[in-house]
Amino acid sequence: MNSAQIDAYLRRIGAERPARPTADVLRDLHLRHLRTVPFENLAIHLGEGIGLEEKRLLDKVVGARRGGFCYELNGAFGALLAALGFEVTYLAARVYGKEGRPGIPYDHLALRVGTVDGGEWLADVGFGAHSHLPLELGSRDEQRDPGGVFRIVEAGPDAAGAGGGGAGFADLDVVKNGGAEYRLETRPRLFGDFVIGAWWHSTSPQSHFRQSLVCSRVTEDGGRITLSGRSLTATAPDGTRDVRELVTDEEVLAVYRERFGIELDRVPEVRRAE
């Protein structure tokens, strides 16, 4: 990422170029990213395809002012952080399903980020309703965040029976409000390793990303706004929700434009996997 691309990305999220890659700077960038770059899977249902090349990610997130899902958002954010001098490692995770079992390998991409003032952080701007700020990766205590109460704990036996982090690398469970969100491998991965996960989630009929539409971001007051198809949900910081059904295409397109900054020429509709 060159200097002009860094500046364009920072303008996209409303941030100044930082002097040093500190923990405070990471927290600021993380929160700004969640407020300005939506978590969305519209490309899958608009027939745009998913690409993980750095240029394509920057063209989408910065140039087209779109969002994406975990591979795109954390991939782009990781590239920005690395360009700013942070120490960035890509980590694979498997998201817990309703049955309490972890999902497929490379189910999710998260970031381990080191800062010049010490410590390592779990940064994740690509999981939807998750922590608003990076989590301290080495802490096993409760971490209170505007998005909930989090803990990072040593993982027990793998309920899915699949291989995890590998020899010498312990798996961790990321827990929110008492429930496990995903199983995180601590073994470093290459960004290219996640191509298979992105392909599966964008093509498989078993992927929830193929079954529904979502566009969501953190609001400036610490709440969340989500458009799922034609259902618009505004969640206040205290958890209260206001749900409204949008009737016309014009209403839907206006919400994408005015609340998420996304300009579309047609309303996305769920495209079932063949």
C-alpha atoms as a PDB file:
ATOM      1  CA  MET A   1       0.000   0.000   0.000  1.00  0.00           C
ATOM      2  CA  ASN A   2       1.569   3.281  -1.079  1.00  0.00           C
ATOM      3  CA  SER A   3       1.340   6.657   0.681  1.00  0.00           C
ATOM      4  CA  ALA A   4      -1.582   7.914  -1.438  1.00  0.00           C
ATOM      5  CA  GLN A   5      -3.542   4.734  -0.760  1.00  0.00           C
ATOM      6  CA  ILE A   6      -2.886   5.033   2.976  1.00  0.00           C
ATOM      7  CA  ASP A   7      -4.152   8.631   2.987  1.00  0.00           C
ATOM      8  CA  ALA A   8      -7.236   7.679   0.965  1.00  0.00           C
ATOM      9  CA  TYR A   9      -8.055   4.837   3.362  1.00  0.00           C
ATOM     10  CA  LEU A  10      -7.646   7.117   6.381  1.00  0.00           C
ATOM     11  CA  ARG A  11      -9.959   9.698   4.780  1.00  0.00           C
ATOM     12  CA  ARG A  12     -12.476   6.895   4.182  1.00  0.00           C
ATOM     13  CA  ILE A  13     -12.689   6.232   7.916  1.00  0.00           C
ATOM     14  CA  GLY A  14     -12.241   9.848   9.010  1.00  0.00           C
ATOM     15  CA  ALA A  15      -8.836   9.403  10.633  1.00  0.00           C
ATOM     16  CA  GLU A  16      -5.607  11.387  10.638  1.00  0.00           C
ATOM     17  CA  ARG A  17      -2.292   9.754   9.810  1.00  0.00           C
ATOM     18  CA  PRO A  18      -0.879   8.651  13.192  1.00  0.00           C
ATOM     19  CA  ALA A  19       2.613   9.491  14.368  1.00  0.00           C
ATOM     20  CA  ARG A  20       3.263   6.068  15.900  1.00  0.00           C
ATOM     21  CA  PRO A  21       1.519   2.657  15.867  1.00  0.00           C
ATOM     22  CA  THR A  22       0.329   2.686  19.492  1.00  0.00           C
ATOM     23  CA  ALA A  23      -2.509   0.869  21.246  1.00  0.00           C
ATOM     24  CA  ASP A  24      -4.525   4.096  21.506  1.00  0.00           C
ATOM     25  CA  VAL A  25      -4.182   4.655  17.760  1.00  0.00           C
ATOM     26  CA  LEU A  26      -5.278   1.060  17.093  1.00  0.00           C
ATOM     27  CA  ARG A  27      -8.378   1.530  19.243  1.00  0.00           C
ATOM     28  CA  ASP A  28      -9.261   4.749  17.420  1.00  0.00           C
ATOM     29  CA  LEU A  29      -8.813   3.234  13.947  1.00  0.00           C
ATOM     30  CA  HIS A  30     -10.755   0.102  14.936  1.00  0.00           C
ATOM     31  CA  LEU A  31     -13.788   2.048  16.144  1.00  0.00           C
ATOM     32  CA  ARG A  32     -13.745   4.439  13.194  1.00  0.00           C
ATOM     33  CA  HIS A  33     -13.639   1.494  10.810  1.00  0.00           C
ATOM     34  CA  LEU A  34     -16.680  -0.127  12.429  1.00  0.00           C
ATOM     35  CA  ARG A  35     -18.619   3.146  12.218  1.00  0.00           C
ATOM     36  CA  THR A  36     -17.842   3.906   8.581  1.00  0.00           C
ATOM     37  CA  VAL A  37     -17.234   0.634   6.710  1.00  0.00           C
ATOM     38  CA  PRO A  38     -20.268  -1.656   6.876  1.00  0.00           C
ATOM     39  CA  PHE A  39     -20.254  -5.392   7.339  1.00  0.00           C
ATOM     40  CA  GLU A  40     -22.158  -6.542   4.241  1.00  0.00           C
ATOM     41  CA  ASN A  41     -22.521  -9.440   1.822  1.00  0.00           C
ATOM     42  CA  LEU A  42     -24.189  -7.552  -1.027  1.00  0.00           C
ATOM     43  CA  ALA A  43     -21.538  -8.520  -3.595  1.00  0.00           C
ATOM     44  CA  ILE A  44     -22.592 -12.171  -3.368  1.00  0.00           C
ATOM     45  CA  HIS A  45     -26.191 -11.351  -4.278  1.00  0.00           C
ATOM     46  CA  LEU A  46     -25.352  -8.658  -6.824  1.00  0.00           C
ATOM     47  CA  GLY A  47     -23.224 -11.135  -8.755  1.00  0.00           C
ATOM     48  CA  GLU A  48     -20.064  -9.077  -8.257  1.00  0.00           C
ATOM     49  CA  GLY A  49     -17.892 -11.892  -6.951  1.00  0.00           C
ATOM     50  CA  ILE A  50     -15.373 -11.808  -4.093  1.00  0.00           C
ATOM     51  CA  GLY A  51     -11.661 -11.160  -4.603  1.00  0.00           C
ATOM     52  CA  LEU A  52      -8.948 -10.988  -1.944  1.00  0.00           C
ATOM     53  CA  GLU A  53      -6.215  -9.248  -3.920  1.00  0.00           C
ATOM     54  CA  GLU A  54      -5.112  -6.076  -2.103  1.00  0.00           C
ATOM     55  CA  LYS A  55      -5.896  -3.763  -5.036  1.00  0.00           C
ATOM     56  CA  ARG A  56      -9.377  -5.217  -5.403  1.00  0.00           C
ATOM     57  CA  LEU A  57     -10.047  -4.811  -1.687  1.00  0.00           C
ATOM     58  CA  LEU A  58      -8.904  -1.182  -1.727  1.00  0.00           C
ATOM     59  CA  ASP A  59     -10.902  -0.448  -4.872  1.00  0.00           C
ATOM     60  CA  LYS A  60     -14.014  -1.787  -3.142  1.00  0.00           C
ATOM     61  CA  VAL A  61     -13.634  -0.517   0.432  1.00  0.00           C
ATOM     62  CA  VAL A  62     -11.934   2.803  -0.308  1.00  0.00           C
ATOM     63  CA  GLY A  63     -12.653   3.617  -3.958  1.00  0.00           C
ATOM     64  CA  ALA A  64     -16.262   2.413  -4.161  1.00  0.00           C
ATOM     65  CA  ARG A  65     -16.952   3.146  -0.453  1.00  0.00           C
ATOM     66  CA  ARG A  66     -18.425  -0.290   0.067  1.00  0.00           C
ATOM     67  CA  GLY A  67     -18.050  -2.797   2.892  1.00  0.00           C
ATOM     68  CA  GLY A  68     -17.614  -6.538   2.852  1.00  0.00           C
ATOM     69  CA  PHE A  69     -17.432  -9.606   5.042  1.00  0.00           C
ATOM     70  CA  CYS A  70     -14.593 -10.774   7.285  1.00  0.00           C
ATOM     71  CA  TYR A  71     -12.004 -11.707   4.659  1.00  0.00           C
ATOM     72  CA  GLU A  72     -12.432  -8.374   2.898  1.00  0.00           C
ATOM     73  CA  LEU A  73     -12.767  -6.092   5.924  1.00  0.00           C
ATOM     74  CA  ASN A  74     -10.040  -7.597   8.087  1.00  0.00           C
ATOM     75  CA  GLY A  75      -7.893  -8.139   5.004  1.00  0.00           C
ATOM     76  CA  ALA A  76      -8.094  -4.474   4.032  1.00  0.00           C
ATOM     77  CA  PHE A  77      -7.769  -3.243   7.625  1.00  0.00           C
ATOM     78  CA  GLY A  78      -4.764  -5.512   8.184  1.00  0.00           C
ATOM     79  CA  ALA A  79      -3.072  -4.063   5.107  1.00  0.00           C
ATOM     80  CA  LEU A  80      -3.683  -0.531   6.397  1.00  0.00           C
ATOM     81  CA  LEU A  81      -2.337  -1.347   9.853  1.00  0.00           C
ATOM     82  CA  ALA A  82       0.780  -2.978   8.432  1.00  0.00           C
ATOM     83  CA  ALA A  83       1.391   0.053   6.214  1.00  0.00           C
ATOM     84  CA  LEU A  84       1.153   2.271   9.314  1.00  0.00           C
ATOM     85  CA  GLY A  85       3.817   0.257  11.117  1.00  0.00           C
ATOM     86  CA  PHE A  86       1.739  -2.122  13.225  1.00  0.00           C
ATOM     87  CA  GLU A  87       2.836  -5.747  13.470  1.00  0.00           C
ATOM     88  CA  VAL A  88      -0.010  -7.681  11.857  1.00  0.00           C
ATOM     89  CA  THR A  89      -0.598 -11.441  11.793  1.00  0.00           C
ATOM     90  CA  TYR A  90      -3.549 -13.128  10.085  1.00  0.00           C
ATOM     91  CA  LEU A  91      -5.331 -15.691  12.258  1.00  0.00           C
ATOM     92  CA  ALA A  92      -7.913 -18.290  11.260  1.00  0.00           C
ATOM     93  CA  ALA A  93     -11.024 -18.962  13.305  1.00  0.00           C
ATOM     94  CA  ARG A  94     -14.080 -21.180  13.168  1.00  0.00           C
ATOM     95  CA  VAL A  95     -17.395 -19.631  14.141  1.00  0.00           C
ATOM     96  CA  TYR A  96     -19.616 -21.506  16.590  1.00  0.00           C
ATOM     97  CA  GLY A  97     -22.977 -22.487  15.105  1.00  0.00           C
ATOM     98  CA  LYS A  98     -26.321 -22.959  16.795  1.00  0.00           C
ATOM     99  CA  GLU A  99     -25.383 -26.527  17.739  1.00  0.00           C
ATOM    100  CA  GLY A 100     -22.326 -25.288  19.619  1.00  0.00           C
ATOM    101  CA  ARG A 101     -19.894 -26.729  17.080  1.00  0.00           C
ATOM    102  CA  PRO A 102     -17.143 -24.774  15.313  1.00  0.00           C
ATOM    103  CA  GLY A 103     -17.552 -24.269  11.574  1.00  0.00           C
ATOM    104  CA  ILE A 104     -15.260 -25.028   8.671  1.00  0.00           C
ATOM    105  CA  PRO A 105     -11.500 -24.347   8.645  1.00  0.00           C
ATOM    106  CA  TYR A 106     -10.778 -20.750   7.576  1.00  0.00           C
ATOM    107  CA  ASP A 107     -14.370 -19.917   8.510  1.00  0.00           C
ATOM    108  CA  HIS A 108     -13.307 -16.480   9.743  1.00  0.00           C
ATOM    109  CA  LEU A 109     -10.306 -14.169   9.511  1.00  0.00           C
ATOM    110  CA  ALA A 110      -9.148 -12.094  12.485  1.00  0.00           C
ATOM    111  CA  LEU A 111      -6.007 -10.074  13.195  1.00  0.00           C
ATOM    112  CA  ARG A 112      -3.322 -10.251  15.847  1.00  0.00           C
ATOM    113  CA  VAL A 113      -1.831  -6.768  16.123  1.00  0.00           C
ATOM    114  CA  GLY A 114       1.304  -5.722  17.964  1.00  0.00           C
ATOM    115  CA  THR A 115       1.919  -2.107  18.957  1.00  0.00           C
ATOM    116  CA  VAL A 116       5.092  -0.199  19.791  1.00  0.00           C
ATOM    117  CA  ASP A 117       3.963   0.374  23.381  1.00  0.00           C
ATOM    118  CA  GLY A 118       3.746  -3.346  24.083  1.00  0.00           C
ATOM    119  CA  GLY A 119       1.049  -5.961  24.148  1.00  0.00           C
ATOM    120  CA  GLU A 120      -0.822  -7.870  21.481  1.00  0.00           C
ATOM    121  CA  TRP A 121      -4.395  -7.243  20.470  1.00  0.00           C
ATOM    122  CA  LEU A 122      -7.175  -9.145  18.744  1.00  0.00           C
ATOM    123  CA  ALA A 123      -8.554  -6.759  16.131  1.00  0.00           C
ATOM    124  CA  ASP A 124     -11.709  -7.770  14.293  1.00  0.00           C
ATOM    125  CA  VAL A 125     -13.699  -5.312  12.166  1.00  0.00           C
ATOM    126  CA  GLY A 126     -15.317  -8.111  10.153  1.00  0.00           C
ATOM    127  CA  PHE A 127     -17.585 -10.067  12.488  1.00  0.00           C
ATOM    128  CA  GLY A 128     -20.709  -7.925  12.569  1.00  0.00           C
ATOM    129  CA  ALA A 129     -21.942  -7.402  16.135  1.00  0.00           C
ATOM    130  CA  HIS A 130     -18.683  -7.911  18.013  1.00  0.00           C
ATOM    131  CA  SER A 131     -16.342  -5.825  20.175  1.00  0.00           C
ATOM    132  CA  HIS A 132     -16.094  -2.150  19.270  1.00  0.00           C
ATOM    133  CA  LEU A 133     -12.475  -2.013  20.416  1.00  0.00           C
ATOM    134  CA  PRO A 134      -9.587  -4.449  20.061  1.00  0.00           C
ATOM    135  CA  LEU A 135      -9.375  -7.115  22.773  1.00  0.00           C
ATOM    136  CA  GLU A 136      -6.201  -7.754  24.762  1.00  0.00           C
ATOM    137  CA  LEU A 137      -5.094 -11.092  23.353  1.00  0.00           C
ATOM    138  CA  GLY A 138      -3.017 -12.157  26.349  1.00  0.00           C
ATOM    139  CA  SER A 139      -5.631 -11.381  28.999  1.00  0.00           C
ATOM    140  CA  ARG A 140      -7.892 -14.142  30.368  1.00  0.00           C
ATOM    141  CA  ASP A 141      -9.948 -11.711  32.431  1.00  0.00           C
ATOM    142  CA  GLU A 142     -13.271 -10.146  31.491  1.00  0.00           C
ATOM    143  CA  GLN A 143     -12.897  -7.286  29.036  1.00  0.00           C
ATOM    144  CA  ARG A 144     -15.788  -4.833  29.125  1.00  0.00           C
ATOM    145  CA  ASP A 145     -16.520  -3.221  25.792  1.00  0.00           C
ATOM    146  CA  PRO A 146     -19.418  -1.159  24.381  1.00  0.00           C
ATOM    147  CA  GLY A 147     -20.330  -4.281  22.387  1.00  0.00           C
ATOM    148  CA  GLY A 148     -20.545  -6.574  25.437  1.00  0.00           C
ATOM    149  CA  VAL A 149     -18.447  -8.391  28.005  1.00  0.00           C
ATOM    150  CA  PHE A 150     -15.701 -10.454  26.383  1.00  0.00           C
ATOM    151  CA  ARG A 151     -13.234 -13.081  27.514  1.00  0.00           C
ATOM    152  CA  ILE A 152     -10.498 -14.907  25.646  1.00  0.00           C
ATOM    153  CA  VAL A 153      -9.974 -18.370  27.148  1.00  0.00           C
ATOM    154  CA  GLU A 154      -7.929 -21.458  26.444  1.00  0.00           C
ATOM    155  CA  ALA A 155     -10.016 -23.763  24.263  1.00  0.00           C
ATOM    156  CA  GLY A 156     -11.098 -27.190  25.421  1.00  0.00           C
ATOM    157  CA  PRO A 157     -11.359 -30.326  23.272  1.00  0.00           C
ATOM    158  CA  ASP A 158     -12.415 -29.557  19.709  1.00  0.00           C
ATOM    159  CA  ALA A 159     -16.103 -30.416  19.437  1.00  0.00           C
ATOM    160  CA  ALA A 160     -15.819 -30.634  15.669  1.00  0.00           C
ATOM    161  CA  GLY A 161     -12.989 -33.150  15.813  1.00  0.00           C
ATOM    162  CA  ALA A 162     -10.968 -31.182  13.261  1.00  0.00           C
ATOM    163  CA  GLY A 163      -7.367 -30.026  13.470  1.00  0.00           C
ATOM    164  CA  GLY A 164      -6.749 -26.681  15.094  1.00  0.00           C
ATOM    165  CA  GLY A 165      -3.747 -24.474  15.519  1.00  0.00           C
ATOM    166  CA  GLY A 166      -1.150 -27.191  15.025  1.00  0.00           C
ATOM    167  CA  ALA A 167       1.786 -28.360  17.149  1.00  0.00           C
ATOM    168  CA  GLY A 168       2.902 -25.699  19.587  1.00  0.00           C
ATOM    169  CA  PHE A 169      -0.066 -23.412  18.942  1.00  0.00           C
ATOM    170  CA  ALA A 170      -2.958 -23.342  21.405  1.00  0.00           C
ATOM    171  CA  ASP A 171      -6.499 -22.604  20.280  1.00  0.00           C
ATOM    172  CA  LEU A 172      -8.490 -19.901  22.064  1.00  0.00           C
ATOM    173  CA  ASP A 173     -12.208 -19.364  22.443  1.00  0.00           C
ATOM    174  CA  VAL A 174     -13.488 -15.804  22.081  1.00  0.00           C
ATOM    175  CA  VAL A 175     -16.495 -15.470  24.389  1.00  0.00           C
ATOM    176  CA  LYS A 176     -19.111 -12.696  24.365  1.00  0.00           C
ATOM    177  CA  ASN A 177     -21.594 -12.316  27.220  1.00  0.00           C
ATOM    178  CA  GLY A 178     -20.948 -15.900  28.308  1.00  0.00           C
ATOM    179  CA  GLY A 179     -21.343 -17.532  24.894  1.00  0.00           C
ATOM    180  CA  ALA A 180     -18.472 -18.694  22.672  1.00  0.00           C
ATOM    181  CA  GLU A 181     -18.383 -16.726  19.413  1.00  0.00           C
ATOM    182  CA  TYR A 182     -15.485 -18.376  17.609  1.00  0.00           C
ATOM    183  CA  ARG A 183     -12.491 -20.642  18.106  1.00  0.00           C
ATOM    184  CA  LEU A 184      -9.312 -18.791  17.248  1.00  0.00           C
ATOM    185  CA  GLU A 185      -6.141 -20.492  16.076  1.00  0.00           C
ATOM    186  CA  THR A 186      -2.927 -18.774  17.160  1.00  0.00           C
ATOM    187  CA  ARG A 187      -0.820 -20.232  14.351  1.00  0.00           C
ATOM    188  CA  PRO A 188       0.090 -17.460  11.863  1.00  0.00           C
ATOM    189  CA  ARG A 189      -1.520 -17.750   8.433  1.00  0.00           C
ATOM    190  CA  LEU A 190      -0.909 -16.200   5.042  1.00  0.00           C
ATOM    191  CA  PHE A 191      -3.659 -13.998   3.665  1.00  0.00           C
ATOM    192  CA  GLY A 192      -3.882 -16.265   0.631  1.00  0.00           C
ATOM    193  CA  ASP A 193      -4.837 -19.173   2.899  1.00  0.00           C
ATOM    194  CA  PHE A 194      -8.299 -17.649   3.301  1.00  0.00           C
ATOM    195  CA  VAL A 195      -9.256 -17.834  -0.379  1.00  0.00           C
ATOM    196  CA  ILE A 196     -10.888 -21.232   0.180  1.00  0.00           C
ATOM    197  CA  GLY A 197     -13.030 -19.911   3.048  1.00  0.00           C
ATOM    198  CA  ALA A 198     -14.134 -16.888   1.027  1.00  0.00           C
ATOM    199  CA  TRP A 199     -14.985 -19.131  -1.918  1.00  0.00           C
ATOM    200  CA  TRP A 200     -17.018 -21.516   0.248  1.00  0.00           C
ATOM    201  CA  HIS A 201     -18.962 -18.772   1.991  1.00  0.00           C
ATOM    202  CA  SER A 202     -19.753 -17.010  -1.286  1.00  0.00           C
ATOM    203  CA  THR A 203     -20.814 -20.145  -3.217  1.00  0.00           C
ATOM    204  CA  SER A 204     -22.019 -22.910  -0.886  1.00  0.00           C
ATOM    205  CA  PRO A 205     -25.775 -23.279  -0.278  1.00  0.00           C
ATOM    206  CA  GLN A 206     -24.839 -24.182   3.317  1.00  0.00           C
ATOM    207  CA  SER A 207     -23.279 -20.775   3.933  1.00  0.00           C
ATOM    208  CA  HIS A 208     -25.540 -18.333   5.748  1.00  0.00           C
ATOM    209  CA  PHE A 209     -24.089 -15.580   3.547  1.00  0.00           C
ATOM    210  CA  ARG A 210     -25.805 -17.251   0.576  1.00  0.00           C
ATOM    211  CA  GLN A 211     -29.110 -17.481   2.404  1.00  0.00           C
ATOM    212  CA  SER A 212     -29.691 -13.872   3.438  1.00  0.00           C
ATOM    213  CA  LEU A 213     -28.733 -10.244   2.909  1.00  0.00           C
ATOM    214  CA  VAL A 214     -27.056  -8.129   5.557  1.00  0.00           C
ATOM    215  CA  CYS A 215     -25.609  -4.626   5.782  1.00  0.00           C
ATOM    216  CA  SER A 216     -24.662  -3.412   9.259  1.00  0.00           C
ATOM    217  CA  ARG A 217     -22.466  -0.897  11.052  1.00  0.00           C
ATOM    218  CA  VAL A 218     -21.868   0.589  14.481  1.00  0.00           C
ATOM    219  CA  THR A 219     -23.556   3.972  14.954  1.00  0.00           C
ATOM    220  CA  GLU A 220     -21.936   7.064  16.418  1.00  0.00           C
ATOM    221  CA  ASP A 221     -23.809   6.643  19.735  1.00  0.00           C
ATOM    222  CA  GLY A 222     -22.516   3.079  20.169  1.00  0.00           C
ATOM    223  CA  GLY A 223     -25.608   1.332  18.854  1.00  0.00           C
ATOM    224  CA  ARG A 224     -25.998  -0.502  15.577  1.00  0.00           C
ATOM    225  CA  ILE A 225     -28.031  -0.156  12.405  1.00  0.00           C
ATOM    226  CA  THR A 226     -28.732  -3.213  10.235  1.00  0.00           C
ATOM    227  CA  LEU A 227     -30.564  -3.678   6.964  1.00  0.00           C
ATOM    228  CA  SER A 228     -31.485  -7.315   6.336  1.00  0.00           C
ATOM    229  CA  GLY A 229     -33.231  -7.462   2.994  1.00  0.00           C
ATOM    230  CA  ARG A 230     -36.063  -4.985   3.568  1.00  0.00           C
ATOM    231  CA  SER A 231     -36.026  -5.113   7.371  1.00  0.00           C
ATOM    232  CA  LEU A 232     -34.295  -2.121   8.981  1.00  0.00           C
ATOM    233  CA  THR A 233     -33.254  -2.564  12.632  1.00  0.00           C
ATOM    234  CA  ALA A 234     -31.889   0.232  14.793  1.00  0.00           C
ATOM    235  CA  THR A 235     -30.377  -1.102  18.020  1.00  0.00           C
ATOM    236  CA  ALA A 236     -29.747   1.429  20.783  1.00  0.00           C
ATOM    237  CA  PRO A 237     -26.706   1.210  23.082  1.00  0.00           C
ATOM    238  CA  ASP A 238     -28.941  -0.251  25.818  1.00  0.00           C
ATOM    239  CA  GLY A 239     -30.029  -3.071  23.501  1.00  0.00           C
ATOM    240  CA  THR A 240     -33.538  -1.854  22.695  1.00  0.00           C
ATOM    241  CA  ARG A 241     -34.481  -2.408  19.066  1.00  0.00           C
ATOM    242  CA  ASP A 242     -36.689  -0.578  16.605  1.00  0.00           C
ATOM    243  CA  VAL A 243     -37.614  -2.627  13.535  1.00  0.00           C
ATOM    244  CA  ARG A 244     -39.193  -1.177  10.414  1.00  0.00           C
ATOM    245  CA  GLU A 245     -40.136  -2.899   7.165  1.00  0.00           C
ATOM    246  CA  LEU A 246     -39.262  -0.967   4.017  1.00  0.00           C
ATOM    247  CA  VAL A 247     -41.909  -1.231   1.320  1.00  0.00           C
ATOM    248  CA  THR A 248     -40.555   0.345  -1.851  1.00  0.00           C
ATOM    249  CA  ASP A 249     -37.301  -0.083  -3.732  1.00  0.00           C
ATOM    250  CA  GLU A 250     -36.745   3.650  -3.376  1.00  0.00           C
ATOM    251  CA  GLU A 251     -36.855   3.354   0.432  1.00  0.00           C
ATOM    252  CA  VAL A 252     -34.341   0.499   0.404  1.00  0.00           C
ATOM    253  CA  LEU A 253     -31.918   2.283  -1.920  1.00  0.00           C
ATOM    254  CA  ALA A 254     -32.221   5.470   0.165  1.00  0.00           C
ATOM    255  CA  VAL A 255     -31.256   3.586   3.353  1.00  0.00           C
ATOM    256  CA  TYR A 256     -28.231   2.045   1.660  1.00  0.00           C
ATOM    257  CA  ARG A 257     -27.230   5.496   0.435  1.00  0.00           C
ATOM    258  CA  GLU A 258     -28.024   7.650   3.468  1.00  0.00           C
ATOM    259  CA  ARG A 259     -27.261   5.278   6.349  1.00  0.00           C
ATOM    260  CA  PHE A 260     -24.431   3.194   4.889  1.00  0.00           C
ATOM    261  CA  GLY A 261     -22.960   5.439   2.180  1.00  0.00           C
ATOM    262  CA  ILE A 262     -23.529   2.758  -0.468  1.00  0.00           C
ATOM    263  CA  GLU A 263     -24.787   3.824  -3.893  1.00  0.00           C
ATOM    264  CA  LEU A 264     -26.644   1.027  -5.694  1.00  0.00           C
ATOM    265  CA  ASP A 265     -28.531   1.068  -8.995  1.00  0.00           C
ATOM    266  CA  ARG A 266     -30.817  -1.787  -7.966  1.00  0.00           C
ATOM    267  CA  VAL A 267     -32.069  -3.465  -4.812  1.00  0.00           C
ATOM    268  CA  PRO A 268     -30.116  -6.626  -3.969  1.00  0.00           C
ATOM    269  CA  GLU A 269     -32.149  -9.804  -3.787  1.00  0.00           C
ATOM    270  CA  VAL A 270     -31.048 -13.127  -2.332  1.00  0.00           C
ATOM    271  CA  ARG A 271     -29.530 -15.300  -5.033  1.00  0.00           C
ATOM    272  CA  ARG A 272     -29.761 -18.932  -4.066  1.00  0.00           C
ATOM    273  CA  ALA A 273     -26.691 -21.081  -4.730  1.00  0.00           C
ATOM    274  CA  GLU A 274     -27.147 -23.430  -7.652  1.00  0.00           C
END
